[in-house]
């Protein structure tokens, strides 16, 4: 169950007419009606102000949940750049989950402000991913590429250099949504030898990357083919194979045609993929091939008895 934040810590609480309920849905403070974004063609500036207020409110609310509910720490990388990490994330010997969102207005902890506003935090935020990490005793690093004015590629490089590359984790899992996938492949293009030993699996969620237009090379493409999966928009049910000669890695249906919904819809499938990569392979059970001659001999012996 999601918790409401303390209103005294967020100055927008008294100005913004909506607030999140305990189950993570945005409701009007007085009428309890669900949030509805109104786009007014005759008032573009007013519409822009409402959009800005909504994004800022959701961002601050989720930031507060990250720190208070999940006890994540805000780690500053540059002047206006920061990420959230679990305490002792770099010294954690087990698994490390790295989340990279799409480009745009979404900040740390949020996949989509639209889904967060209209369908709730369980659909639009990264909180369900954090809950899984908590249950699996997995450390977390949540990137924040849309904060601070830097490019998404620069942010991903910076987080890898300052944090992930120094991690003691035995297994690093990466979830990359939209343009976040392109930025991660860009990182691979420059630091493939350093990344290969650390990253166990990559989940691309309706990713913008291209293994044919980004200079990854054959070694990098072969590595991704065996260490990644891509969930793409499709009319097929979730997890159905969606073949493509240019895919470069296994492609499966995301079970939705909505880009913003992919992280929520595919979440359980992503976790099963991660778990399978570190699960010990079963030792094949030896068996004897029964030939026709052996079978005939066995029948004769039975008749003698």
Protein backbone atom coordinates (compact mmCIF):
# COMPACT_ATOMS: atom_id res chain seq x y z
CA UNK A 1 0.00 0.00 0.00
CA UNK A 2 1.39 3.40 -0.99
CA UNK A 3 1.54 6.02 1.69
CA UNK A 4 0.69 9.70 1.48
CA UNK A 5 3.52 12.11 2.15
CA UNK A 6 3.71 14.61 4.95
CA UNK A 7 2.18 17.84 3.59
CA UNK A 8 4.52 20.00 5.68
CA UNK A 9 7.50 18.87 3.56
CA UNK A 10 6.03 19.88 0.18
CA UNK A 11 5.15 23.55 -0.38
CA UNK A 12 2.95 22.61 -3.37
CA UNK A 13 0.53 20.67 -1.20
CA UNK A 14 -1.46 23.78 -0.26
CA UNK A 15 -1.58 25.11 -3.86
CA UNK A 16 -2.13 22.01 -5.96
CA UNK A 17 -5.82 21.00 -5.74
CA UNK A 18 -5.11 17.27 -6.03
CA UNK A 19 -3.31 14.78 -3.81
CA UNK A 20 -2.46 11.09 -3.93
CA UNK A 21 -4.65 8.70 -2.00
CA UNK A 22 -3.22 5.83 0.03
CA UNK A 23 -3.56 3.49 -2.94
CA UNK A 24 -1.59 5.88 -5.16
CA UNK A 25 -4.40 7.54 -7.16
CA UNK A 26 -4.59 11.28 -7.76
CA UNK A 27 -7.83 12.71 -6.35
CA UNK A 28 -9.27 16.17 -5.87
CA UNK A 29 -8.80 17.33 -2.29
CA UNK A 30 -12.41 18.46 -1.90
CA UNK A 31 -14.53 16.35 -4.28
CA UNK A 32 -12.29 13.23 -4.39
CA UNK A 33 -12.85 13.14 -8.16
CA UNK A 34 -10.09 11.53 -10.30
CA UNK A 35 -7.63 13.88 -11.96
CA UNK A 36 -8.43 15.08 -15.48
CA UNK A 37 -5.95 17.13 -17.46
CA UNK A 38 -7.63 19.93 -19.39
CA UNK A 39 -5.98 21.15 -22.57
CA UNK A 40 -7.21 24.61 -23.53
CA UNK A 41 -6.42 25.84 -27.04
CA UNK A 42 -7.43 29.37 -26.06
CA UNK A 43 -5.00 29.40 -23.11
CA UNK A 44 -1.75 27.74 -24.07
CA UNK A 45 0.18 29.37 -21.25
CA UNK A 46 -2.38 28.25 -18.68
CA UNK A 47 -2.24 24.71 -20.03
CA UNK A 48 1.55 24.78 -19.84
CA UNK A 49 1.40 26.00 -16.23
CA UNK A 50 -0.97 23.18 -15.30
CA UNK A 51 1.31 20.64 -16.98
CA UNK A 52 4.31 22.04 -15.12
CA UNK A 53 2.48 22.02 -11.78
CA UNK A 54 1.31 18.46 -12.30
CA UNK A 55 4.77 17.15 -13.23
CA UNK A 56 6.37 19.01 -10.33
CA UNK A 57 3.81 17.73 -7.84
CA UNK A 58 4.17 14.10 -8.96
CA UNK A 59 7.95 14.40 -8.96
CA UNK A 60 8.13 15.78 -5.43
CA UNK A 61 5.63 13.25 -4.13
CA UNK A 62 7.54 10.32 -5.63
CA UNK A 63 10.89 11.71 -4.43
CA UNK A 64 9.45 11.80 -0.94
CA UNK A 65 8.25 8.19 -1.22
CA UNK A 66 11.67 7.09 -2.43
CA UNK A 67 13.35 8.64 0.60
CA UNK A 68 10.78 7.97 3.31
CA UNK A 69 9.17 4.67 2.30
CA UNK A 70 12.09 2.95 0.55
CA UNK A 71 14.90 4.77 2.41
CA UNK A 72 16.75 5.63 -0.79
CA UNK A 73 19.52 8.20 -0.74
CA UNK A 74 19.89 11.17 -3.08
CA UNK A 75 23.41 11.08 -4.54
CA UNK A 76 24.65 14.20 -6.36
CA UNK A 77 26.88 13.65 -9.38
CA UNK A 78 27.25 17.17 -10.76
CA UNK A 79 25.86 20.59 -9.90
CA UNK A 80 22.25 19.88 -10.94
CA UNK A 81 22.48 16.13 -11.47
CA UNK A 82 21.56 13.48 -8.94
CA UNK A 83 20.25 9.92 -8.69
CA UNK A 84 18.66 7.79 -5.99
CA UNK A 85 20.39 4.72 -4.59
CA UNK A 86 19.70 2.26 -1.83
CA UNK A 87 21.98 2.60 1.23
CA UNK A 88 25.28 0.80 0.68
CA UNK A 89 24.35 0.03 -2.93
CA UNK A 90 27.97 0.00 -4.11
CA UNK A 91 29.06 -2.42 -1.36
CA UNK A 92 26.12 -4.79 -1.78
CA UNK A 93 27.53 -8.20 -2.88
CA UNK A 94 24.30 -9.59 -4.32
CA UNK A 95 22.29 -8.09 -7.20
CA UNK A 96 21.97 -4.49 -8.34
CA UNK A 97 18.93 -3.20 -10.26
CA UNK A 98 19.53 -0.15 -12.49
CA UNK A 99 16.50 1.72 -13.86
CA UNK A 100 16.74 4.10 -16.84
CA UNK A 101 13.59 5.96 -17.89
CA UNK A 102 12.69 7.50 -21.24
CA UNK A 103 13.61 11.06 -22.20
CA UNK A 104 11.10 13.86 -21.50
CA UNK A 105 9.67 15.27 -18.29
CA UNK A 106 9.76 12.10 -16.15
CA UNK A 107 12.18 12.18 -13.24
CA UNK A 108 13.61 9.54 -10.89
CA UNK A 109 11.01 7.04 -9.77
CA UNK A 110 8.57 7.85 -12.59
CA UNK A 111 8.07 6.04 -15.90
CA UNK A 112 5.24 8.31 -17.04
CA UNK A 113 3.63 11.31 -15.38
CA UNK A 114 0.52 10.79 -17.55
CA UNK A 115 -0.07 7.27 -16.25
CA UNK A 116 0.80 8.34 -12.72
CA UNK A 117 -1.84 11.06 -12.90
CA UNK A 118 -4.60 9.14 -14.66
CA UNK A 119 -4.04 5.50 -13.66
CA UNK A 120 -2.05 5.77 -10.43
CA UNK A 121 1.48 5.25 -9.20
CA UNK A 122 1.26 1.48 -9.53
CA UNK A 123 1.06 1.96 -13.30
CA UNK A 124 3.07 5.09 -13.92
CA UNK A 125 5.86 5.01 -11.32
CA UNK A 126 8.84 2.75 -10.63
CA UNK A 127 7.58 1.91 -7.15
CA UNK A 128 6.52 -1.68 -8.07
CA UNK A 129 10.07 -2.28 -9.33
CA UNK A 130 11.46 -1.02 -6.03
CA UNK A 131 9.11 -3.30 -4.15
CA UNK A 132 10.43 -6.29 -6.10
CA UNK A 133 14.01 -5.24 -5.44
CA UNK A 134 13.24 -4.93 -1.74
CA UNK A 135 11.69 -8.41 -1.64
CA UNK A 136 14.68 -9.89 -3.47
CA UNK A 137 17.24 -8.05 -1.29
CA UNK A 138 18.47 -6.31 -4.42
CA UNK A 139 20.28 -2.95 -4.32
CA UNK A 140 18.93 -0.17 -6.54
CA UNK A 141 20.22 2.76 -8.58
CA UNK A 142 17.53 4.94 -10.19
CA UNK A 143 18.92 7.17 -12.90
CA UNK A 144 17.58 10.69 -13.41
CA UNK A 145 18.57 11.73 -16.95
CA UNK A 146 15.88 14.40 -17.41
CA UNK A 147 17.06 16.46 -14.43
CA UNK A 148 19.88 18.97 -14.75
CA UNK A 149 19.87 19.76 -18.45
CA UNK A 150 22.46 17.19 -19.55
CA UNK A 151 21.89 14.72 -22.37
CA UNK A 152 20.55 11.31 -21.50
CA UNK A 153 23.66 9.67 -22.94
CA UNK A 154 25.93 11.83 -20.80
CA UNK A 155 23.93 11.02 -17.68
CA UNK A 156 24.09 7.26 -18.28
CA UNK A 157 27.86 7.45 -18.86
CA UNK A 158 28.27 9.51 -15.69
CA UNK A 159 26.24 7.15 -13.51
CA UNK A 160 28.17 4.16 -14.84
CA UNK A 161 31.54 5.81 -14.25
CA UNK A 162 30.78 7.21 -10.79
CA UNK A 163 28.59 4.44 -9.38
CA UNK A 164 27.84 1.21 -11.24
CA UNK A 165 31.44 0.52 -12.30
CA UNK A 166 32.47 0.70 -8.64
CA UNK A 167 29.75 -1.65 -7.45
CA UNK A 168 30.56 -4.94 -5.73
CA UNK A 169 27.38 -6.55 -7.04
CA UNK A 170 27.68 -10.04 -8.43
CA UNK A 171 24.81 -9.43 -10.85
CA UNK A 172 23.75 -6.12 -12.42
CA UNK A 173 20.29 -5.98 -14.02
CA UNK A 174 19.37 -3.05 -16.29
CA UNK A 175 15.85 -1.94 -17.20
CA UNK A 176 15.82 0.67 -19.99
CA UNK A 177 12.63 2.32 -21.26
CA UNK A 178 12.40 4.12 -24.61
CA UNK A 179 15.36 6.41 -25.24
CA UNK A 180 16.98 4.99 -22.13
CA UNK A 181 17.73 1.86 -24.17
CA UNK A 182 19.50 3.91 -26.84
CA UNK A 183 21.60 5.63 -24.17
CA UNK A 184 22.59 2.28 -22.64
CA UNK A 185 23.64 0.90 -26.03
CA UNK A 186 25.64 4.10 -26.55
CA UNK A 187 27.42 3.28 -23.28
CA UNK A 188 28.11 -0.24 -24.57
CA UNK A 189 29.63 1.22 -27.74
CA UNK A 190 32.26 3.02 -25.64
CA UNK A 191 32.81 0.68 -22.65
CA UNK A 192 31.83 -2.80 -23.75
CA UNK A 193 34.81 -4.56 -22.15
CA UNK A 194 34.10 -2.97 -18.77
CA UNK A 195 30.36 -3.62 -18.88
CA UNK A 196 30.34 -7.25 -20.06
CA UNK A 197 31.66 -8.79 -16.82
CA UNK A 198 29.23 -6.83 -14.61
CA UNK A 199 25.89 -6.71 -16.38
CA UNK A 200 24.04 -10.01 -16.22
CA UNK A 201 20.89 -9.06 -18.16
CA UNK A 202 19.27 -6.08 -19.90
CA UNK A 203 15.54 -5.56 -20.37
CA UNK A 204 14.72 -3.13 -23.20
CA UNK A 205 11.16 -1.80 -22.88
CA UNK A 206 9.94 -0.42 -26.22
CA UNK A 207 13.49 0.81 -26.63
CA UNK A 208 14.72 3.36 -29.20
CA UNK A 209 18.11 1.69 -29.65
CA UNK A 210 19.31 0.30 -32.96
CA UNK A 211 22.03 -2.33 -33.17
CA UNK A 212 22.43 -1.53 -36.87
CA UNK A 213 22.76 2.25 -36.63
CA UNK A 214 24.75 2.45 -33.40
CA UNK A 215 28.42 1.37 -33.80
CA UNK A 216 28.33 -1.50 -31.33
CA UNK A 217 30.28 -4.03 -33.41
CA UNK A 218 29.85 -7.77 -33.77
CA UNK A 219 31.19 -8.62 -30.29
CA UNK A 220 28.73 -6.23 -28.67
CA UNK A 221 25.80 -7.43 -30.77
CA UNK A 222 26.59 -11.05 -29.93
CA UNK A 223 26.75 -10.18 -26.23
CA UNK A 224 23.39 -8.40 -26.30
CA UNK A 225 21.84 -11.28 -28.21
CA UNK A 226 22.56 -13.62 -25.30
CA UNK A 227 22.12 -11.15 -22.42
CA UNK A 228 19.07 -9.07 -23.33
CA UNK A 229 15.39 -9.20 -24.25
CA UNK A 230 13.29 -6.55 -25.99
CA UNK A 231 9.61 -6.05 -25.21
CA UNK A 232 7.98 -4.25 -28.14
CA UNK A 233 4.53 -2.79 -28.81
CA UNK A 234 2.29 -5.46 -30.27
CA UNK A 235 -1.29 -6.63 -30.60
CA UNK A 236 -0.15 -10.10 -29.55
CA UNK A 237 -0.55 -11.26 -25.94
CA UNK A 238 2.30 -10.62 -23.52
CA UNK A 239 5.43 -12.75 -23.98
CA UNK A 240 4.58 -13.99 -27.48
CA UNK A 241 7.56 -14.07 -29.82
CA UNK A 242 7.67 -11.18 -32.30
CA UNK A 243 10.37 -12.09 -34.81
CA UNK A 244 12.56 -9.66 -36.72
CA UNK A 245 15.73 -10.28 -38.69
CA UNK A 246 17.09 -6.90 -37.60
CA UNK A 247 16.25 -7.25 -33.92
CA UNK A 248 19.69 -8.38 -32.76
CA UNK A 249 18.21 -9.98 -29.64
CA UNK A 250 15.03 -11.92 -28.80
CA UNK A 251 11.92 -9.77 -29.25
CA UNK A 252 8.70 -10.50 -27.43
CA UNK A 253 5.34 -8.82 -27.26
CA UNK A 254 4.82 -6.19 -24.58
CA UNK A 255 1.13 -7.07 -24.46
CA UNK A 256 0.18 -3.44 -25.11
CA UNK A 257 0.31 -0.81 -27.83
CA UNK A 258 0.86 2.04 -25.37
CA UNK A 259 4.49 3.10 -24.96
CA UNK A 260 3.98 4.54 -21.47
CA UNK A 261 2.29 1.34 -20.23
CA UNK A 262 5.07 -1.06 -21.20
CA UNK A 263 7.06 -0.97 -17.90
CA UNK A 264 3.95 -1.80 -15.84
CA UNK A 265 2.53 -4.44 -18.18
CA UNK A 266 5.88 -6.23 -18.68
CA UNK A 267 7.14 -6.04 -15.11
CA UNK A 268 6.52 -9.65 -14.06
CA UNK A 269 7.93 -10.90 -17.37
CA UNK A 270 11.07 -8.81 -16.85
CA UNK A 271 11.58 -10.21 -13.36
CA UNK A 272 11.19 -13.77 -14.58
CA UNK A 273 13.82 -13.08 -17.23
CA UNK A 274 16.24 -11.71 -14.62
CA UNK A 275 15.64 -14.62 -12.25
CA UNK A 276 16.17 -17.15 -15.01
CA UNK A 277 19.57 -15.69 -15.92
CA UNK A 278 21.01 -16.38 -12.47
CA UNK A 279 19.18 -19.64 -11.78
CA UNK A 280 21.58 -22.60 -11.94
CA UNK A 281 20.99 -24.77 -14.97
CA UNK A 282 19.61 -28.19 -14.14
CA UNK A 283 21.94 -31.11 -14.73
CA UNK A 284 20.48 -33.29 -17.47
CA UNK A 285 19.29 -36.69 -16.22
CA UNK A 286 21.08 -39.57 -17.99
CA UNK A 287 18.80 -42.04 -19.72
CA UNK A 288 19.26 -45.23 -21.71
CA UNK A 289 18.10 -45.44 -25.29
CA UNK A 290 16.03 -48.60 -25.65
CA UNK A 291 16.72 -50.18 -29.03
CA UNK A 292 14.46 -52.72 -30.71
CA UNK A 293 16.98 -55.52 -30.07
CA UNK A 294 17.20 -54.64 -26.37
CA UNK A 295 13.44 -54.52 -26.10
CA UNK A 296 13.10 -57.96 -27.78
CA UNK A 297 15.74 -59.46 -25.43
CA UNK A 298 13.91 -58.01 -22.42
CA UNK A 299 10.62 -59.57 -23.57
CA UNK A 300 12.27 -63.00 -24.11
CA UNK A 301 13.81 -62.91 -20.63
CA UNK A 302 10.44 -62.02 -19.16
CA UNK A 303 8.83 -64.98 -20.91
CA UNK A 304 11.50 -67.30 -19.55
CA UNK A 305 10.80 -66.15 -16.06
